[in-house]
Amino acid sequence: MELVRSADLPVLALLGWFVGQAVRGLLARVPRGLDCPGRWCGWGTAALWSLTGALAVTGVLPWRWVPAALALALFAVPLVLADVRAGRLPDPLTFAAYPVLGATAVFAEPQAWQRIAAAGLLLGGTHLLAHRLAPRSLGAGDAKLAGALGLPLGAHGWLAVLVFAPLAAALSLAVALGTRSRTVPHGPGMLASGWLLVTL
């Protein structure tokens, strides 16, 4: 069964743009609304959705994983922008990620719901503990995001769950070295790590 075909890629990009713009509008309406520039929210989501479709068309990404990858991309763009621009991961997005990522994870691996739940609890719990022990190095938003990302990673398998945190740390370190900054937001590294592990 093919969920995405080559001819669908422009449509997928257009849908991604509209979804990104819709998320931008919703963020502006929540308390402590966050500005998500249209050129990034819309086009960033469109680019990631197109890339996801291309991976599915080429056979790199199994069709059953397409909804999870699209959902990750949907949350990744505004969350990365929020963390980079404002240094926070908005609760409306991180909390909304739980049911959406959970549902797409179960869709990908219906028989693995126990592992999916366990992985979410494990990553959320360990990151929350790290936040409690060193709040200046890992924010509360990072801990909430880790639990949500653990759901699709759990569907993928325990190896993805175990690789997630070291890969995210390596990506954040690479950004810090590249920008010569002593403090970089960890959310982008976490989201990139989660998306890469699910899609590749």
C-alpha atoms as a PDB file:
ATOM      1  CA  MET A   1       0.000   0.000   0.000  1.00  0.00           C
ATOM      2  CA  GLU A   2       1.416   3.398  -0.989  1.00  0.00           C
ATOM      3  CA  LEU A   3       0.382   6.343   1.107  1.00  0.00           C
ATOM      4  CA  VAL A   4       2.392   8.851  -0.918  1.00  0.00           C
ATOM      5  CA  ARG A   5       3.238   8.876  -4.636  1.00  0.00           C
ATOM      6  CA  SER A   6       5.598  11.134  -6.588  1.00  0.00           C
ATOM      7  CA  ALA A   7       2.674  13.085  -8.030  1.00  0.00           C
ATOM      8  CA  ASP A   8       1.459  13.834  -4.494  1.00  0.00           C
ATOM      9  CA  LEU A   9       4.604  15.720  -3.406  1.00  0.00           C
ATOM     10  CA  PRO A  10       3.492  19.210  -4.584  1.00  0.00           C
ATOM     11  CA  VAL A  11       0.112  18.640  -2.922  1.00  0.00           C
ATOM     12  CA  LEU A  12       1.867  17.541   0.266  1.00  0.00           C
ATOM     13  CA  ALA A  13       4.013  20.680   0.207  1.00  0.00           C
ATOM     14  CA  LEU A  14       0.942  22.863  -0.256  1.00  0.00           C
ATOM     15  CA  LEU A  15      -0.851  21.107   2.598  1.00  0.00           C
ATOM     16  CA  GLY A  16       2.232  21.583   4.774  1.00  0.00           C
ATOM     17  CA  TRP A  17       2.211  25.301   4.030  1.00  0.00           C
ATOM     18  CA  PHE A  18      -1.466  25.646   4.964  1.00  0.00           C
ATOM     19  CA  VAL A  19      -0.998  23.580   8.138  1.00  0.00           C
ATOM     20  CA  GLY A  20       2.016  25.666   9.133  1.00  0.00           C
ATOM     21  CA  GLN A  21       0.031  28.858   8.623  1.00  0.00           C
ATOM     22  CA  ALA A  22      -2.848  27.421  10.655  1.00  0.00           C
ATOM     23  CA  VAL A  23      -0.487  26.611  13.535  1.00  0.00           C
ATOM     24  CA  ARG A  24       0.848  30.159  13.297  1.00  0.00           C
ATOM     25  CA  GLY A  25      -2.681  31.514  13.672  1.00  0.00           C
ATOM     26  CA  LEU A  26      -3.450  29.270  16.630  1.00  0.00           C
ATOM     27  CA  LEU A  27      -0.268  30.265  18.448  1.00  0.00           C
ATOM     28  CA  ALA A  28      -1.207  33.914  18.142  1.00  0.00           C
ATOM     29  CA  ARG A  29      -4.503  33.240  19.921  1.00  0.00           C
ATOM     30  CA  VAL A  30      -3.278  31.306  22.973  1.00  0.00           C
ATOM     31  CA  PRO A  31      -2.322  33.078  26.216  1.00  0.00           C
ATOM     32  CA  ARG A  32       1.205  34.429  25.947  1.00  0.00           C
ATOM     33  CA  GLY A  33       0.865  33.969  22.201  1.00  0.00           C
ATOM     34  CA  LEU A  34       4.068  33.373  20.290  1.00  0.00           C
ATOM     35  CA  ASP A  35       4.890  34.964  16.980  1.00  0.00           C
ATOM     36  CA  CYS A  36       5.699  32.342  14.354  1.00  0.00           C
ATOM     37  CA  PRO A  37       6.799  34.164  11.184  1.00  0.00           C
ATOM     38  CA  GLY A  38       4.821  33.000   8.177  1.00  0.00           C
ATOM     39  CA  ARG A  39       7.884  32.609   5.997  1.00  0.00           C
ATOM     40  CA  TRP A  40       9.213  30.050   8.478  1.00  0.00           C
ATOM     41  CA  CYS A  41       6.057  28.437   9.854  1.00  0.00           C
ATOM     42  CA  GLY A  42       4.452  27.901   6.468  1.00  0.00           C
ATOM     43  CA  TRP A  43       7.452  27.224   4.262  1.00  0.00           C
ATOM     44  CA  GLY A  44       9.357  25.311   6.934  1.00  0.00           C
ATOM     45  CA  THR A  45       6.482  22.880   7.404  1.00  0.00           C
ATOM     46  CA  ALA A  46       6.035  22.623   3.625  1.00  0.00           C
ATOM     47  CA  ALA A  47       9.717  21.741   3.194  1.00  0.00           C
ATOM     48  CA  LEU A  48       9.687  19.059   5.893  1.00  0.00           C
ATOM     49  CA  TRP A  49       6.442  17.549   4.616  1.00  0.00           C
ATOM     50  CA  SER A  50       7.884  17.422   1.084  1.00  0.00           C
ATOM     51  CA  LEU A  51      11.058  15.768   2.388  1.00  0.00           C
ATOM     52  CA  THR A  52       8.969  13.237   4.309  1.00  0.00           C
ATOM     53  CA  GLY A  53       6.995  12.452   1.163  1.00  0.00           C
ATOM     54  CA  ALA A  54      10.188  12.076  -0.860  1.00  0.00           C
ATOM     55  CA  LEU A  55      11.584   9.619   1.687  1.00  0.00           C
ATOM     56  CA  ALA A  56       8.371   7.600   1.427  1.00  0.00           C
ATOM     57  CA  VAL A  57       8.396   7.627  -2.384  1.00  0.00           C
ATOM     58  CA  THR A  58      12.005   6.420  -2.502  1.00  0.00           C
ATOM     59  CA  GLY A  59      11.260   3.628  -0.048  1.00  0.00           C
ATOM     60  CA  VAL A  60      13.433   4.970   2.752  1.00  0.00           C
ATOM     61  CA  LEU A  61      10.403   5.614   4.946  1.00  0.00           C
ATOM     62  CA  PRO A  62       7.751   2.853   5.158  1.00  0.00           C
ATOM     63  CA  TRP A  63       4.276   4.214   4.367  1.00  0.00           C
ATOM     64  CA  ARG A  64       2.914   3.401   7.831  1.00  0.00           C
ATOM     65  CA  TRP A  65       5.457   5.822   9.325  1.00  0.00           C
ATOM     66  CA  VAL A  66       4.449   8.769   7.131  1.00  0.00           C
ATOM     67  CA  PRO A  67       1.761  10.097   9.547  1.00  0.00           C
ATOM     68  CA  ALA A  68       4.207  10.024  12.479  1.00  0.00           C
ATOM     69  CA  ALA A  69       6.898  11.818  10.463  1.00  0.00           C
ATOM     70  CA  LEU A  70       4.428  14.453   9.251  1.00  0.00           C
ATOM     71  CA  ALA A  71       3.191  14.976  12.816  1.00  0.00           C
ATOM     72  CA  LEU A  72       6.756  15.382  14.070  1.00  0.00           C
ATOM     73  CA  ALA A  73       7.449  17.928  11.342  1.00  0.00           C
ATOM     74  CA  LEU A  74       4.231  19.775  12.186  1.00  0.00           C
ATOM     75  CA  PHE A  75       5.354  20.320  15.784  1.00  0.00           C
ATOM     76  CA  ALA A  76       9.064  20.655  15.023  1.00  0.00           C
ATOM     77  CA  VAL A  77       8.906  23.879  13.000  1.00  0.00           C
ATOM     78  CA  PRO A  78       7.021  26.103  15.491  1.00  0.00           C
ATOM     79  CA  LEU A  79       8.791  24.539  18.482  1.00  0.00           C
ATOM     80  CA  VAL A  80      12.249  25.107  17.021  1.00  0.00           C
ATOM     81  CA  LEU A  81      11.310  28.703  16.183  1.00  0.00           C
ATOM     82  CA  ALA A  82       9.929  29.228  19.690  1.00  0.00           C
ATOM     83  CA  ASP A  83      13.034  27.852  21.382  1.00  0.00           C
ATOM     84  CA  VAL A  84      15.431  29.798  19.164  1.00  0.00           C
ATOM     85  CA  ARG A  85      13.530  33.098  19.262  1.00  0.00           C
ATOM     86  CA  ALA A  86      12.077  33.090  22.782  1.00  0.00           C
ATOM     87  CA  GLY A  87      13.993  30.396  24.666  1.00  0.00           C
ATOM     88  CA  ARG A  88      10.891  28.402  25.527  1.00  0.00           C
ATOM     89  CA  LEU A  89       8.767  25.519  24.303  1.00  0.00           C
ATOM     90  CA  PRO A  90       5.091  26.594  24.593  1.00  0.00           C
ATOM     91  CA  ASP A  91       2.893  24.262  26.643  1.00  0.00           C
ATOM     92  CA  PRO A  92       0.011  24.331  24.120  1.00  0.00           C
ATOM     93  CA  LEU A  93       2.316  22.739  21.552  1.00  0.00           C
ATOM     94  CA  THR A  94       4.137  20.279  23.790  1.00  0.00           C
ATOM     95  CA  PHE A  95       0.908  19.076  25.412  1.00  0.00           C
ATOM     96  CA  ALA A  96      -0.873  18.802  22.062  1.00  0.00           C
ATOM     97  CA  ALA A  97       2.020  16.685  20.785  1.00  0.00           C
ATOM     98  CA  TYR A  98       1.183  13.838  23.200  1.00  0.00           C
ATOM     99  CA  PRO A  99      -2.154  12.709  21.706  1.00  0.00           C
ATOM    100  CA  VAL A 100      -1.093  13.422  18.116  1.00  0.00           C
ATOM    101  CA  LEU A 101       2.283  11.681  18.293  1.00  0.00           C
ATOM    102  CA  GLY A 102       0.787   8.903  20.403  1.00  0.00           C
ATOM    103  CA  ALA A 103      -1.962   8.202  17.861  1.00  0.00           C
ATOM    104  CA  THR A 104       0.441   8.200  14.890  1.00  0.00           C
ATOM    105  CA  ALA A 105       2.862   5.958  16.796  1.00  0.00           C
ATOM    106  CA  VAL A 106       0.140   3.394  17.467  1.00  0.00           C
ATOM    107  CA  PHE A 107      -0.893   3.637  13.810  1.00  0.00           C
ATOM    108  CA  ALA A 108       2.670   2.735  12.794  1.00  0.00           C
ATOM    109  CA  GLU A 109       3.023  -0.151  15.268  1.00  0.00           C
ATOM    110  CA  PRO A 110      -0.415  -1.139  16.656  1.00  0.00           C
ATOM    111  CA  GLN A 111       0.952  -4.065  18.659  1.00  0.00           C
ATOM    112  CA  ALA A 112       3.620  -1.978  20.410  1.00  0.00           C
ATOM    113  CA  TRP A 113       1.363   0.282  22.486  1.00  0.00           C
ATOM    114  CA  GLN A 114       2.933  -0.885  25.761  1.00  0.00           C
ATOM    115  CA  ARG A 115       6.446  -0.096  24.524  1.00  0.00           C
ATOM    116  CA  ILE A 116       5.193   3.247  23.171  1.00  0.00           C
ATOM    117  CA  ALA A 117       3.779   4.233  26.570  1.00  0.00           C
ATOM    118  CA  ALA A 118       6.855   2.944  28.422  1.00  0.00           C
ATOM    119  CA  ALA A 119       9.210   4.890  26.145  1.00  0.00           C
ATOM    120  CA  GLY A 120       7.245   8.101  26.664  1.00  0.00           C
ATOM    121  CA  LEU A 121       7.379   7.644  30.422  1.00  0.00           C
ATOM    122  CA  LEU A 122      11.061   6.727  30.357  1.00  0.00           C
ATOM    123  CA  LEU A 123      12.241   9.681  28.300  1.00  0.00           C
ATOM    124  CA  GLY A 124       9.888  12.110  29.998  1.00  0.00           C
ATOM    125  CA  GLY A 125      10.874  10.853  33.450  1.00  0.00           C
ATOM    126  CA  THR A 126      14.638  10.852  32.878  1.00  0.00           C
ATOM    127  CA  HIS A 127      14.583  14.320  31.348  1.00  0.00           C
ATOM    128  CA  LEU A 128      12.402  15.603  34.186  1.00  0.00           C
ATOM    129  CA  LEU A 129      14.902  14.191  36.679  1.00  0.00           C
ATOM    130  CA  ALA A 130      17.746  15.892  34.802  1.00  0.00           C
ATOM    131  CA  HIS A 131      15.769  19.154  34.924  1.00  0.00           C
ATOM    132  CA  ARG A 132      15.281  18.807  38.668  1.00  0.00           C
ATOM    133  CA  LEU A 133      18.972  18.109  39.226  1.00  0.00           C
ATOM    134  CA  ALA A 134      20.278  20.768  36.834  1.00  0.00           C
ATOM    135  CA  PRO A 135      17.482  23.186  35.890  1.00  0.00           C
ATOM    136  CA  ARG A 136      19.870  25.590  34.172  1.00  0.00           C
ATOM    137  CA  SER A 137      21.116  22.937  31.751  1.00  0.00           C
ATOM    138  CA  LEU A 138      17.751  21.392  30.842  1.00  0.00           C
ATOM    139  CA  GLY A 139      14.446  23.251  30.907  1.00  0.00           C
ATOM    140  CA  ALA A 140      11.035  22.001  31.984  1.00  0.00           C
ATOM    141  CA  GLY A 141       9.834  22.384  28.398  1.00  0.00           C
ATOM    142  CA  ASP A 142      12.596  20.042  27.249  1.00  0.00           C
ATOM    143  CA  ALA A 143      11.385  17.406  29.711  1.00  0.00           C
ATOM    144  CA  LYS A 144       7.786  17.731  28.489  1.00  0.00           C
ATOM    145  CA  LEU A 145       8.928  17.499  24.882  1.00  0.00           C
ATOM    146  CA  ALA A 146      11.052  14.413  25.597  1.00  0.00           C
ATOM    147  CA  GLY A 147       8.009  12.506  26.837  1.00  0.00           C
ATOM    148  CA  ALA A 148       6.081  13.309  23.652  1.00  0.00           C
ATOM    149  CA  LEU A 149       9.006  12.383  21.404  1.00  0.00           C
ATOM    150  CA  GLY A 150       9.363   9.117  23.277  1.00  0.00           C
ATOM    151  CA  LEU A 151       6.035   7.902  21.863  1.00  0.00           C
ATOM    152  CA  PRO A 152       7.040   7.558  18.178  1.00  0.00           C
ATOM    153  CA  LEU A 153      10.540   6.519  19.216  1.00  0.00           C
ATOM    154  CA  GLY A 154       9.036   3.758  21.329  1.00  0.00           C
ATOM    155  CA  ALA A 155       7.083   2.559  18.313  1.00  0.00           C
ATOM    156  CA  HIS A 156      10.330   2.466  16.375  1.00  0.00           C
ATOM    157  CA  GLY A 157      12.080   0.349  19.017  1.00  0.00           C
ATOM    158  CA  TRP A 158      14.261   0.526  22.102  1.00  0.00           C
ATOM    159  CA  LEU A 159      17.391   1.249  20.080  1.00  0.00           C
ATOM    160  CA  ALA A 160      15.871   4.521  18.864  1.00  0.00           C
ATOM    161  CA  VAL A 161      14.898   5.394  22.445  1.00  0.00           C
ATOM    162  CA  LEU A 162      18.443   4.778  23.695  1.00  0.00           C
ATOM    163  CA  VAL A 163      20.117   6.667  20.838  1.00  0.00           C
ATOM    164  CA  PHE A 164      17.789   9.680  21.101  1.00  0.00           C
ATOM    165  CA  ALA A 165      19.389  11.546  24.024  1.00  0.00           C
ATOM    166  CA  PRO A 166      23.058  11.106  22.946  1.00  0.00           C
ATOM    167  CA  LEU A 167      22.198  12.155  19.387  1.00  0.00           C
ATOM    168  CA  ALA A 168      20.253  15.196  20.609  1.00  0.00           C
ATOM    169  CA  ALA A 169      23.157  16.187  22.858  1.00  0.00           C
ATOM    170  CA  ALA A 170      25.624  15.780  19.973  1.00  0.00           C
ATOM    171  CA  LEU A 171      23.488  17.964  17.701  1.00  0.00           C
ATOM    172  CA  SER A 172      23.161  20.674  20.369  1.00  0.00           C
ATOM    173  CA  LEU A 173      26.923  20.538  20.971  1.00  0.00           C
ATOM    174  CA  ALA A 174      27.576  20.872  17.238  1.00  0.00           C
ATOM    175  CA  VAL A 175      25.382  23.992  17.140  1.00  0.00           C
ATOM    176  CA  ALA A 176      27.185  25.425  20.177  1.00  0.00           C
ATOM    177  CA  LEU A 177      30.585  24.824  18.587  1.00  0.00           C
ATOM    178  CA  GLY A 178      29.441  26.163  15.227  1.00  0.00           C
ATOM    179  CA  THR A 179      28.018  29.350  16.713  1.00  0.00           C
ATOM    180  CA  ARG A 180      30.660  29.629  19.449  1.00  0.00           C
ATOM    181  CA  SER A 181      27.868  30.119  21.941  1.00  0.00           C
ATOM    182  CA  ARG A 182      28.022  28.896  25.531  1.00  0.00           C
ATOM    183  CA  THR A 183      24.253  28.504  25.718  1.00  0.00           C
ATOM    184  CA  VAL A 184      22.098  27.040  22.973  1.00  0.00           C
ATOM    185  CA  PRO A 185      18.466  25.884  23.187  1.00  0.00           C
ATOM    186  CA  HIS A 186      18.235  22.093  23.412  1.00  0.00           C
ATOM    187  CA  GLY A 187      14.783  21.795  21.831  1.00  0.00           C
ATOM    188  CA  PRO A 188      16.022  21.962  18.212  1.00  0.00           C
ATOM    189  CA  GLY A 189      18.530  19.178  18.844  1.00  0.00           C
ATOM    190  CA  MET A 190      15.861  17.010  20.465  1.00  0.00           C
ATOM    191  CA  LEU A 191      13.399  17.561  17.627  1.00  0.00           C
ATOM    192  CA  ALA A 192      16.032  16.922  14.954  1.00  0.00           C
ATOM    193  CA  SER A 193      17.135  13.758  16.739  1.00  0.00           C
ATOM    194  CA  GLY A 194      13.562  12.484  17.036  1.00  0.00           C
ATOM    195  CA  TRP A 195      12.698  13.217  13.411  1.00  0.00           C
ATOM    196  CA  LEU A 196      15.899  11.644  12.067  1.00  0.00           C
ATOM    197  CA  LEU A 197      15.452   8.474  14.132  1.00  0.00           C
ATOM    198  CA  VAL A 198      11.843   8.059  13.021  1.00  0.00           C
ATOM    199  CA  THR A 199      12.431   8.764   9.325  1.00  0.00           C
ATOM    200  CA  LEU A 200      15.833   7.174   8.754  1.00  0.00           C
END
